[in-house]
Protein backbone atom coordinates (compact mmCIF):
# COMPACT_ATOMS: atom_id res chain seq x y z
CA UNK A 1 0.00 0.00 0.00
CA UNK A 2 1.49 3.34 -1.06
CA UNK A 3 1.27 6.40 1.21
CA UNK A 4 0.10 9.61 -0.42
CA UNK A 5 1.96 12.77 0.52
CA UNK A 6 0.53 16.12 1.51
CA UNK A 7 1.08 18.90 -1.03
CA UNK A 8 -0.05 21.77 1.22
CA UNK A 9 2.46 23.99 2.98
CA UNK A 10 2.27 25.02 6.64
CA UNK A 11 0.94 28.42 5.57
CA UNK A 12 -2.02 26.97 3.64
CA UNK A 13 -5.54 26.73 5.02
CA UNK A 14 -6.51 23.77 7.19
CA UNK A 15 -7.63 21.72 4.14
CA UNK A 16 -4.95 19.40 2.72
CA UNK A 17 -5.17 17.63 -0.65
CA UNK A 18 -4.69 13.87 -0.25
CA UNK A 19 -5.71 12.54 -3.66
CA UNK A 20 -8.58 11.80 -6.01
CA UNK A 21 -11.76 10.01 -4.88
CA UNK A 22 -10.81 6.97 -6.99
CA UNK A 23 -7.58 6.63 -4.98
CA UNK A 24 -9.67 5.37 -2.04
CA UNK A 25 -11.33 1.98 -2.74
CA UNK A 26 -14.74 1.26 -1.22
CA UNK A 27 -14.52 -0.71 2.02
CA UNK A 28 -10.81 -0.08 2.44
CA UNK A 29 -8.47 2.15 4.43
CA UNK A 30 -5.59 4.15 2.94
CA UNK A 31 -2.72 5.91 4.77
CA UNK A 32 -1.97 9.55 3.87
CA UNK A 33 -0.05 12.46 5.33
CA UNK A 34 -2.03 15.68 5.79
CA UNK A 35 -0.66 18.72 7.57
CA UNK A 36 2.33 16.65 8.68
CA UNK A 37 0.04 14.15 10.46
CA UNK A 38 -0.51 10.48 9.66
CA UNK A 39 -4.16 10.02 8.66
CA UNK A 40 -6.17 6.91 7.76
CA UNK A 41 -8.80 7.62 5.06
CA UNK A 42 -11.77 5.25 4.82
CA UNK A 43 -14.37 4.95 2.10
CA UNK A 44 -17.87 3.55 2.61
CA UNK A 45 -19.81 3.83 -0.63
CA UNK A 46 -19.86 7.52 -1.51
CA UNK A 47 -18.71 8.63 1.97
CA UNK A 48 -15.11 9.36 2.94
CA UNK A 49 -13.91 9.50 6.56
CA UNK A 50 -10.56 10.28 8.18
CA UNK A 51 -9.05 9.23 11.51
CA UNK A 52 -5.65 9.76 13.10
CA UNK A 53 -3.61 6.78 11.91
CA UNK A 54 -2.53 5.69 15.38
CA UNK A 55 -4.40 3.50 17.85
CA UNK A 56 -4.98 5.19 21.21
CA UNK A 57 -4.22 1.92 23.03
CA UNK A 58 -0.96 0.83 21.43
CA UNK A 59 1.60 1.89 18.85
CA UNK A 60 -0.22 0.53 15.79
CA UNK A 61 -1.36 2.09 12.52
CA UNK A 62 -5.10 1.86 11.97
CA UNK A 63 -4.42 1.88 8.22
CA UNK A 64 -3.02 -1.65 8.77
CA UNK A 65 -6.29 -2.71 10.42
CA UNK A 66 -9.37 -4.57 9.22
CA UNK A 67 -12.63 -2.90 8.17
CA UNK A 68 -15.96 -4.45 9.10
CA UNK A 69 -19.44 -3.15 9.95
CA UNK A 70 -18.36 0.51 9.92
CA UNK A 71 -15.42 -0.07 12.25
CA UNK A 72 -11.68 -0.45 11.92
CA UNK A 73 -10.03 -3.13 14.02
CA UNK A 74 -6.58 -2.28 15.36
CA UNK A 75 -4.10 -4.89 14.12
CA UNK A 76 -2.23 -4.98 17.45
CA UNK A 77 -4.87 -5.72 20.11
CA UNK A 78 -8.11 -5.87 18.04
CA UNK A 79 -9.69 -2.76 19.57
CA UNK A 80 -12.54 -1.35 17.46
CA UNK A 81 -13.07 2.26 16.37
CA UNK A 82 -16.06 3.70 14.50
CA UNK A 83 -14.65 4.98 11.18
CA UNK A 84 -17.14 7.88 11.04
CA UNK A 85 -16.56 9.28 14.53
CA UNK A 86 -13.44 7.63 15.97
CA UNK A 87 -15.44 6.48 19.01
CA UNK A 88 -14.53 3.16 20.59
CA UNK A 89 -16.75 0.19 19.73
CA UNK A 90 -14.88 -2.64 21.44
CA UNK A 91 -12.05 -3.18 23.94
CA UNK A 92 -9.38 -3.12 24.94
CA UNK A 93 -9.43 0.49 23.66
CA UNK A 94 -11.12 3.03 25.96
CA UNK A 95 -10.14 6.33 24.32
CA UNK A 96 -11.56 7.53 21.01
CA UNK A 97 -9.20 8.24 18.13
CA UNK A 98 -9.29 11.72 16.62
CA UNK A 99 -11.44 12.16 13.53
CA UNK A 100 -11.02 14.81 10.82
CA UNK A 101 -13.43 16.47 8.35
CA UNK A 102 -13.18 15.30 4.73
CA UNK A 103 -14.47 17.03 1.61
CA UNK A 104 -14.25 16.57 -2.14
CA UNK A 105 -13.56 19.86 -3.92
CA UNK A 106 -12.79 20.25 -7.61
CA UNK A 107 -12.36 16.50 -7.96
CA UNK A 108 -9.81 16.25 -5.12
CA UNK A 109 -10.17 14.75 -1.62
CA UNK A 110 -9.18 17.14 1.14
CA UNK A 111 -8.75 16.52 4.87
CA UNK A 112 -8.94 19.35 7.39
CA UNK A 113 -6.14 19.01 9.92
CA UNK A 114 -5.49 21.54 12.62
CA UNK A 115 -3.08 20.66 15.35
CA UNK A 116 -4.56 20.76 18.85
CA UNK A 117 -3.32 23.70 20.90
C-alpha atoms as a PDB file:
ATOM      1  CA  UNK A   1       0.000   0.000   0.000  1.00  0.00           C
ATOM      2  CA  UNK A   2       1.495   3.336  -1.057  1.00  0.00           C
ATOM      3  CA  UNK A   3       1.269   6.397   1.210  1.00  0.00           C
ATOM      4  CA  UNK A   4       0.104   9.606  -0.425  1.00  0.00           C
ATOM      5  CA  UNK A   5       1.958  12.775   0.520  1.00  0.00           C
ATOM      6  CA  UNK A   6       0.526  16.119   1.511  1.00  0.00           C
ATOM      7  CA  UNK A   7       1.077  18.899  -1.031  1.00  0.00           C
ATOM      8  CA  UNK A   8      -0.045  21.768   1.218  1.00  0.00           C
ATOM      9  CA  UNK A   9       2.460  23.988   2.981  1.00  0.00           C
ATOM     10  CA  UNK A  10       2.275  25.017   6.639  1.00  0.00           C
ATOM     11  CA  UNK A  11       0.942  28.420   5.568  1.00  0.00           C
ATOM     12  CA  UNK A  12      -2.023  26.967   3.638  1.00  0.00           C
ATOM     13  CA  UNK A  13      -5.543  26.728   5.024  1.00  0.00           C
ATOM     14  CA  UNK A  14      -6.507  23.767   7.190  1.00  0.00           C
ATOM     15  CA  UNK A  15      -7.632  21.716   4.144  1.00  0.00           C
ATOM     16  CA  UNK A  16      -4.950  19.401   2.718  1.00  0.00           C
ATOM     17  CA  UNK A  17      -5.171  17.625  -0.645  1.00  0.00           C
ATOM     18  CA  UNK A  18      -4.688  13.874  -0.250  1.00  0.00           C
ATOM     19  CA  UNK A  19      -5.708  12.542  -3.664  1.00  0.00           C
ATOM     20  CA  UNK A  20      -8.576  11.800  -6.005  1.00  0.00           C
ATOM     21  CA  UNK A  21     -11.756  10.008  -4.884  1.00  0.00           C
ATOM     22  CA  UNK A  22     -10.814   6.965  -6.991  1.00  0.00           C
ATOM     23  CA  UNK A  23      -7.581   6.632  -4.980  1.00  0.00           C
ATOM     24  CA  UNK A  24      -9.665   5.374  -2.042  1.00  0.00           C
ATOM     25  CA  UNK A  25     -11.331   1.979  -2.743  1.00  0.00           C
ATOM     26  CA  UNK A  26     -14.735   1.256  -1.219  1.00  0.00           C
ATOM     27  CA  UNK A  27     -14.522  -0.710   2.020  1.00  0.00           C
ATOM     28  CA  UNK A  28     -10.807  -0.078   2.442  1.00  0.00           C
ATOM     29  CA  UNK A  29      -8.468   2.149   4.427  1.00  0.00           C
ATOM     30  CA  UNK A  30      -5.591   4.145   2.945  1.00  0.00           C
ATOM     31  CA  UNK A  31      -2.717   5.910   4.775  1.00  0.00           C
ATOM     32  CA  UNK A  32      -1.974   9.545   3.866  1.00  0.00           C
ATOM     33  CA  UNK A  33      -0.052  12.459   5.326  1.00  0.00           C
ATOM     34  CA  UNK A  34      -2.033  15.683   5.786  1.00  0.00           C
ATOM     35  CA  UNK A  35      -0.656  18.718   7.572  1.00  0.00           C
ATOM     36  CA  UNK A  36       2.329  16.646   8.683  1.00  0.00           C
ATOM     37  CA  UNK A  37       0.044  14.149  10.455  1.00  0.00           C
ATOM     38  CA  UNK A  38      -0.515  10.476   9.662  1.00  0.00           C
ATOM     39  CA  UNK A  39      -4.158  10.024   8.662  1.00  0.00           C
ATOM     40  CA  UNK A  40      -6.165   6.912   7.759  1.00  0.00           C
ATOM     41  CA  UNK A  41      -8.800   7.623   5.062  1.00  0.00           C
ATOM     42  CA  UNK A  42     -11.774   5.251   4.823  1.00  0.00           C
ATOM     43  CA  UNK A  43     -14.370   4.947   2.101  1.00  0.00           C
ATOM     44  CA  UNK A  44     -17.869   3.550   2.606  1.00  0.00           C
ATOM     45  CA  UNK A  45     -19.811   3.832  -0.626  1.00  0.00           C
ATOM     46  CA  UNK A  46     -19.857   7.525  -1.506  1.00  0.00           C
ATOM     47  CA  UNK A  47     -18.706   8.633   1.971  1.00  0.00           C
ATOM     48  CA  UNK A  48     -15.106   9.362   2.941  1.00  0.00           C
ATOM     49  CA  UNK A  49     -13.910   9.503   6.560  1.00  0.00           C
ATOM     50  CA  UNK A  50     -10.558  10.277   8.185  1.00  0.00           C
ATOM     51  CA  UNK A  51      -9.048   9.231  11.512  1.00  0.00           C
ATOM     52  CA  UNK A  52      -5.649   9.759  13.102  1.00  0.00           C
ATOM     53  CA  UNK A  53      -3.610   6.776  11.905  1.00  0.00           C
ATOM     54  CA  UNK A  54      -2.529   5.686  15.381  1.00  0.00           C
ATOM     55  CA  UNK A  55      -4.402   3.503  17.847  1.00  0.00           C
ATOM     56  CA  UNK A  56      -4.976   5.190  21.212  1.00  0.00           C
ATOM     57  CA  UNK A  57      -4.220   1.921  23.031  1.00  0.00           C
ATOM     58  CA  UNK A  58      -0.961   0.833  21.433  1.00  0.00           C
ATOM     59  CA  UNK A  59       1.596   1.890  18.847  1.00  0.00           C
ATOM     60  CA  UNK A  60      -0.220   0.529  15.791  1.00  0.00           C
ATOM     61  CA  UNK A  61      -1.360   2.085  12.516  1.00  0.00           C
ATOM     62  CA  UNK A  62      -5.104   1.859  11.972  1.00  0.00           C
ATOM     63  CA  UNK A  63      -4.420   1.876   8.224  1.00  0.00           C
ATOM     64  CA  UNK A  64      -3.022  -1.645   8.769  1.00  0.00           C
ATOM     65  CA  UNK A  65      -6.292  -2.710  10.423  1.00  0.00           C
ATOM     66  CA  UNK A  66      -9.370  -4.573   9.215  1.00  0.00           C
ATOM     67  CA  UNK A  67     -12.626  -2.895   8.171  1.00  0.00           C
ATOM     68  CA  UNK A  68     -15.959  -4.450   9.105  1.00  0.00           C
ATOM     69  CA  UNK A  69     -19.442  -3.145   9.952  1.00  0.00           C
ATOM     70  CA  UNK A  70     -18.365   0.508   9.917  1.00  0.00           C
ATOM     71  CA  UNK A  71     -15.421  -0.072  12.249  1.00  0.00           C
ATOM     72  CA  UNK A  72     -11.679  -0.450  11.925  1.00  0.00           C
ATOM     73  CA  UNK A  73     -10.030  -3.133  14.025  1.00  0.00           C
ATOM     74  CA  UNK A  74      -6.582  -2.275  15.364  1.00  0.00           C
ATOM     75  CA  UNK A  75      -4.100  -4.885  14.115  1.00  0.00           C
ATOM     76  CA  UNK A  76      -2.230  -4.981  17.451  1.00  0.00           C
ATOM     77  CA  UNK A  77      -4.873  -5.720  20.111  1.00  0.00           C
ATOM     78  CA  UNK A  78      -8.109  -5.874  18.041  1.00  0.00           C
ATOM     79  CA  UNK A  79      -9.690  -2.763  19.574  1.00  0.00           C
ATOM     80  CA  UNK A  80     -12.538  -1.353  17.461  1.00  0.00           C
ATOM     81  CA  UNK A  81     -13.069   2.261  16.368  1.00  0.00           C
ATOM     82  CA  UNK A  82     -16.059   3.705  14.500  1.00  0.00           C
ATOM     83  CA  UNK A  83     -14.653   4.979  11.185  1.00  0.00           C
ATOM     84  CA  UNK A  84     -17.145   7.879  11.045  1.00  0.00           C
ATOM     85  CA  UNK A  85     -16.557   9.278  14.535  1.00  0.00           C
ATOM     86  CA  UNK A  86     -13.440   7.634  15.973  1.00  0.00           C
ATOM     87  CA  UNK A  87     -15.444   6.480  19.010  1.00  0.00           C
ATOM     88  CA  UNK A  88     -14.533   3.157  20.592  1.00  0.00           C
ATOM     89  CA  UNK A  89     -16.751   0.189  19.728  1.00  0.00           C
ATOM     90  CA  UNK A  90     -14.881  -2.645  21.443  1.00  0.00           C
ATOM     91  CA  UNK A  91     -12.050  -3.181  23.940  1.00  0.00           C
ATOM     92  CA  UNK A  92      -9.380  -3.120  24.943  1.00  0.00           C
ATOM     93  CA  UNK A  93      -9.426   0.492  23.664  1.00  0.00           C
ATOM     94  CA  UNK A  94     -11.115   3.026  25.959  1.00  0.00           C
ATOM     95  CA  UNK A  95     -10.140   6.332  24.323  1.00  0.00           C
ATOM     96  CA  UNK A  96     -11.563   7.533  21.007  1.00  0.00           C
ATOM     97  CA  UNK A  97      -9.201   8.237  18.125  1.00  0.00           C
ATOM     98  CA  UNK A  98      -9.285  11.720  16.622  1.00  0.00           C
ATOM     99  CA  UNK A  99     -11.435  12.162  13.528  1.00  0.00           C
ATOM    100  CA  UNK A 100     -11.024  14.811  10.817  1.00  0.00           C
ATOM    101  CA  UNK A 101     -13.431  16.469   8.349  1.00  0.00           C
ATOM    102  CA  UNK A 102     -13.181  15.299   4.730  1.00  0.00           C
ATOM    103  CA  UNK A 103     -14.475  17.033   1.610  1.00  0.00           C
ATOM    104  CA  UNK A 104     -14.245  16.573  -2.144  1.00  0.00           C
ATOM    105  CA  UNK A 105     -13.560  19.856  -3.921  1.00  0.00           C
ATOM    106  CA  UNK A 106     -12.789  20.254  -7.612  1.00  0.00           C
ATOM    107  CA  UNK A 107     -12.363  16.495  -7.956  1.00  0.00           C
ATOM    108  CA  UNK A 108      -9.815  16.251  -5.122  1.00  0.00           C
ATOM    109  CA  UNK A 109     -10.169  14.754  -1.624  1.00  0.00           C
ATOM    110  CA  UNK A 110      -9.184  17.144   1.140  1.00  0.00           C
ATOM    111  CA  UNK A 111      -8.752  16.518   4.865  1.00  0.00           C
ATOM    112  CA  UNK A 112      -8.939  19.354   7.392  1.00  0.00           C
ATOM    113  CA  UNK A 113      -6.135  19.006   9.921  1.00  0.00           C
ATOM    114  CA  UNK A 114      -5.488  21.540  12.623  1.00  0.00           C
ATOM    115  CA  UNK A 115      -3.076  20.663  15.352  1.00  0.00           C
ATOM    116  CA  UNK A 116      -4.559  20.764  18.851  1.00  0.00           C
ATOM    117  CA  UNK A 117      -3.324  23.701  20.902  1.00  0.00           C
END
